[in-house]
């Protein structure tokens, strides 16, 4: 069994904890106490100078605990979302809703505490994206979308290379000016490096044989 979760964790339940709750270990509500219990069991370090309030990713903690429950030994999970590795999560204002950064050091401690084997890397590393790949500016993509809506045509906002944009727009492209492209790894434009991938495996599954397959269809198995 496999679980795939793509860009959902930032929408999961956040809890805003006060300095008093963190230092005394007692929550003002049952939900706050649940968050504090996670902090205690994971032995998360608390800085000496705590801010008045911090955000804790309670929803993602519940989620990985449920993933551990439903997966059989050998089961795997793929989780990806934007987040941070230091400090506490922050709220991110988006059109029509607010999301919350995932604190990946906290989440990684949680999955290890649960018993998962984990691998952690950035999304560009996972996708093996060349950092100098040129893609359409996000702002230009939204402008093109509004232009196409006026023509009664659909246009999805995503990272287009120049050849992909030409193929997608066809006869519309000559009507547009100022389409500019940037390196996909440029954080000033895309922030792709902020998206992380967490690969999880529940131990105890039957080891899968490893093999290489030739063009002829023959498979060469390696012994462990």
Protein backbone atom coordinates (compact mmCIF):
# COMPACT_ATOMS: atom_id res chain seq x y z
CA UNK A 1 0.00 0.00 0.00
CA UNK A 2 1.15 3.53 -0.78
CA UNK A 3 -0.02 6.94 0.39
CA UNK A 4 0.55 10.03 -1.76
CA UNK A 5 -0.09 13.45 -0.24
CA UNK A 6 0.66 16.44 -2.45
CA UNK A 7 0.37 19.96 -1.03
CA UNK A 8 -2.19 19.27 1.69
CA UNK A 9 -0.27 19.52 4.94
CA UNK A 10 -0.16 23.34 4.95
CA UNK A 11 -3.97 23.27 5.06
CA UNK A 12 -4.09 20.97 8.07
CA UNK A 13 -4.93 22.14 11.58
CA UNK A 14 -2.50 24.63 13.14
CA UNK A 15 -2.49 25.44 16.84
CA UNK A 16 -1.40 28.78 18.24
CA UNK A 17 0.29 28.17 21.59
CA UNK A 18 1.13 30.85 24.14
CA UNK A 19 4.48 31.19 25.89
CA UNK A 20 2.77 30.31 29.17
CA UNK A 21 1.37 27.06 27.74
CA UNK A 22 4.78 26.07 26.38
CA UNK A 23 6.67 26.79 29.59
CA UNK A 24 4.08 25.23 31.92
CA UNK A 25 3.12 22.34 29.65
CA UNK A 26 -0.59 22.82 30.23
CA UNK A 27 -2.93 23.69 27.38
CA UNK A 28 -5.91 26.01 27.61
CA UNK A 29 -8.01 23.61 25.49
CA UNK A 30 -7.95 19.90 24.71
CA UNK A 31 -6.54 20.68 21.26
CA UNK A 32 -3.77 22.80 22.74
CA UNK A 33 -2.95 20.02 25.22
CA UNK A 34 -2.73 17.55 22.35
CA UNK A 35 -0.19 19.82 20.67
CA UNK A 36 1.81 20.18 23.88
CA UNK A 37 1.80 16.40 24.32
CA UNK A 38 3.36 16.03 20.86
CA UNK A 39 6.05 18.57 21.76
CA UNK A 40 6.76 16.68 25.00
CA UNK A 41 6.91 13.19 23.49
CA UNK A 42 9.12 14.36 20.63
CA UNK A 43 11.34 16.27 23.08
CA UNK A 44 11.32 19.29 20.81
CA UNK A 45 13.80 21.91 22.05
CA UNK A 46 12.34 25.23 23.19
CA UNK A 47 14.44 28.36 22.85
CA UNK A 48 15.17 30.36 26.01
CA UNK A 49 13.56 33.51 24.63
CA UNK A 50 10.19 32.24 23.44
CA UNK A 51 7.91 34.59 21.53
CA UNK A 52 4.51 35.46 22.97
CA UNK A 53 2.85 32.95 20.62
CA UNK A 54 4.01 30.17 18.28
CA UNK A 55 2.27 28.06 15.66
CA UNK A 56 2.50 24.27 15.92
CA UNK A 57 1.60 21.88 13.06
CA UNK A 58 -0.87 19.67 14.93
CA UNK A 59 -2.67 18.56 11.75
CA UNK A 60 0.44 17.14 10.05
CA UNK A 61 1.34 15.30 13.28
CA UNK A 62 -2.09 13.67 13.35
CA UNK A 63 -1.74 12.88 9.67
CA UNK A 64 1.58 11.01 9.88
CA UNK A 65 0.29 9.11 12.93
CA UNK A 66 -2.71 7.99 10.85
CA UNK A 67 -0.43 7.06 7.95
CA UNK A 68 1.55 4.87 10.36
CA UNK A 69 -1.69 3.25 11.54
CA UNK A 70 -3.09 2.40 8.10
CA UNK A 71 0.11 1.30 6.37
CA UNK A 72 1.07 -2.34 6.54
CA UNK A 73 4.72 -3.30 7.07
CA UNK A 74 6.57 -2.38 3.90
CA UNK A 75 4.01 0.31 3.04
CA UNK A 76 5.28 3.63 1.78
CA UNK A 77 4.19 7.26 1.76
CA UNK A 78 5.14 10.26 -0.34
CA UNK A 79 4.53 13.64 1.30
CA UNK A 80 5.32 17.02 -0.21
CA UNK A 81 4.56 20.57 0.89
CA UNK A 82 6.32 23.91 1.38
CA UNK A 83 7.92 24.51 4.73
CA UNK A 84 10.84 25.51 6.93
CA UNK A 85 13.57 23.72 8.83
CA UNK A 86 14.21 26.23 11.61
CA UNK A 87 12.07 28.21 14.02
CA UNK A 88 8.30 27.93 14.18
CA UNK A 89 5.86 27.86 11.23
CA UNK A 90 4.38 31.08 9.91
CA UNK A 91 1.02 31.82 8.36
CA UNK A 92 1.09 32.36 4.58
CA UNK A 93 -1.67 34.54 3.15
CA UNK A 94 -2.93 33.21 -0.19
CA UNK A 95 -5.90 34.29 -2.33
CA UNK A 96 -9.11 33.40 -0.46
CA UNK A 97 -7.40 31.40 2.31
CA UNK A 98 -4.43 31.09 4.68
CA UNK A 99 -1.97 28.21 4.83
CA UNK A 100 0.74 27.40 7.36
CA UNK A 101 4.34 26.42 6.74
CA UNK A 102 5.28 22.87 7.71
CA UNK A 103 8.13 22.71 10.24
CA UNK A 104 10.05 19.79 8.77
CA UNK A 105 12.47 19.24 11.65
CA UNK A 106 9.46 18.72 13.92
CA UNK A 107 7.74 16.48 11.38
CA UNK A 108 10.85 14.37 10.78
CA UNK A 109 11.25 13.81 14.52
CA UNK A 110 7.62 12.71 14.62
CA UNK A 111 7.93 10.15 11.81
CA UNK A 112 11.09 8.71 13.35
CA UNK A 113 9.39 8.53 16.75
CA UNK A 114 6.50 6.65 15.14
CA UNK A 115 8.97 4.17 13.65
CA UNK A 116 9.20 5.17 9.99
CA UNK A 117 12.33 4.98 7.91
CA UNK A 118 12.50 8.35 6.19
CA UNK A 119 14.30 10.16 3.42
CA UNK A 120 14.15 13.93 3.14
CA UNK A 121 15.07 16.13 0.19
CA UNK A 122 13.99 19.24 -1.65
CA UNK A 123 11.45 18.96 -4.45
CA UNK A 124 13.96 20.05 -7.15
CA UNK A 125 16.32 17.30 -5.94
CA UNK A 126 13.54 14.72 -6.03
CA UNK A 127 12.45 15.73 -9.54
CA UNK A 128 16.09 16.06 -10.67
CA UNK A 129 15.33 19.48 -12.14
CA UNK A 130 18.21 21.36 -13.72
CA UNK A 131 18.43 24.61 -11.74
CA UNK A 132 19.04 26.72 -14.86
CA UNK A 133 15.92 25.49 -16.67
CA UNK A 134 14.11 28.59 -17.97
CA UNK A 135 10.37 28.75 -17.19
CA UNK A 136 7.71 31.39 -17.63
CA UNK A 137 7.43 34.01 -14.89
CA UNK A 138 4.50 33.24 -12.58
CA UNK A 139 3.16 36.78 -12.89
CA UNK A 140 3.15 36.47 -16.67
CA UNK A 141 1.31 33.15 -16.40
CA UNK A 142 -1.51 34.76 -14.36
CA UNK A 143 -1.73 37.63 -16.87
CA UNK A 144 -2.01 35.16 -19.75
CA UNK A 145 -4.70 33.27 -17.84
CA UNK A 146 -6.82 36.42 -17.51
CA UNK A 147 -6.25 37.22 -21.20
CA UNK A 148 -7.37 33.73 -22.21
CA UNK A 149 -10.42 33.95 -19.98
CA UNK A 150 -11.44 37.03 -21.93
CA UNK A 151 -11.21 34.94 -25.10
CA UNK A 152 -13.24 32.16 -23.55
CA UNK A 153 -10.29 29.76 -23.43
CA UNK A 154 -8.69 27.86 -20.58
CA UNK A 155 -5.09 28.37 -19.52
CA UNK A 156 -3.59 26.63 -16.49
CA UNK A 157 -1.00 28.47 -14.40
CA UNK A 158 2.15 26.38 -14.11
CA UNK A 159 5.85 26.49 -14.97
CA UNK A 160 6.01 26.55 -18.77
CA UNK A 161 9.20 26.29 -20.77
CA UNK A 162 9.22 28.40 -23.92
CA UNK A 163 8.49 25.41 -26.16
CA UNK A 164 5.62 24.26 -23.89
CA UNK A 165 4.08 27.74 -23.92
CA UNK A 166 4.31 27.89 -27.71
CA UNK A 167 2.58 24.53 -28.01
CA UNK A 168 -0.11 25.44 -25.46
CA UNK A 169 -1.03 28.86 -26.86
CA UNK A 170 -0.64 28.22 -30.57
CA UNK A 171 -2.12 31.12 -32.58
CA UNK A 172 -2.66 33.20 -29.43
CA UNK A 173 1.06 33.59 -28.67
CA UNK A 174 1.80 36.22 -31.39
CA UNK A 175 -0.81 38.47 -29.73
CA UNK A 176 1.21 38.56 -26.51
CA UNK A 177 4.30 40.60 -25.68
CA UNK A 178 6.66 40.59 -22.74
CA UNK A 179 6.66 36.86 -21.92
CA UNK A 180 9.81 36.56 -19.84
CA UNK A 181 11.53 33.51 -18.39
CA UNK A 182 13.65 32.89 -15.30
CA UNK A 183 15.78 30.08 -13.87
CA UNK A 184 13.46 27.66 -12.10
CA UNK A 185 15.81 27.63 -9.09
CA UNK A 186 15.64 31.42 -8.68
CA UNK A 187 13.96 31.92 -5.27
CA UNK A 188 13.03 35.51 -6.16
CA UNK A 189 10.53 34.20 -8.70
CA UNK A 190 9.40 30.68 -7.84
CA UNK A 191 10.45 29.55 -4.35
CA UNK A 192 10.54 25.95 -5.53
CA UNK A 193 13.37 25.19 -3.10
CA UNK A 194 10.88 25.81 -0.23
CA UNK A 195 8.96 22.68 -1.23
CA UNK A 196 10.24 19.52 0.43
CA UNK A 197 9.67 15.81 -0.07
CA UNK A 198 9.41 13.30 2.75
CA UNK A 199 9.58 9.65 1.71
CA UNK A 200 8.42 7.21 4.39
CA UNK A 201 8.53 3.44 4.70
CA UNK A 202 7.06 1.33 7.47
CA UNK A 203 9.65 -1.35 8.35
CA UNK A 204 8.93 -5.05 8.26
CA UNK A 205 7.96 -5.62 4.66
CA UNK A 206 9.25 -8.47 2.49
CA UNK A 207 12.47 -7.31 0.80
CA UNK A 208 11.96 -6.78 -2.92
CA UNK A 209 14.50 -8.34 -5.28
CA UNK A 210 16.65 -5.86 -7.15
CA UNK A 211 17.32 -6.38 -10.83
CA UNK A 212 18.44 -4.71 -14.00
CA UNK A 213 16.46 -5.25 -17.17
CA UNK A 214 18.11 -5.34 -20.59
CA UNK A 215 16.50 -4.26 -23.86
CA UNK A 216 16.09 -7.93 -24.74
CA UNK A 217 13.79 -8.31 -21.71
CA UNK A 218 16.26 -10.39 -19.67
CA UNK A 219 16.46 -9.50 -16.01
CA UNK A 220 19.62 -9.86 -13.94
CA UNK A 221 18.88 -10.25 -10.24
CA UNK A 222 21.36 -9.31 -7.53
CA UNK A 223 21.75 -11.31 -4.35
CA UNK A 224 21.73 -9.68 -0.92
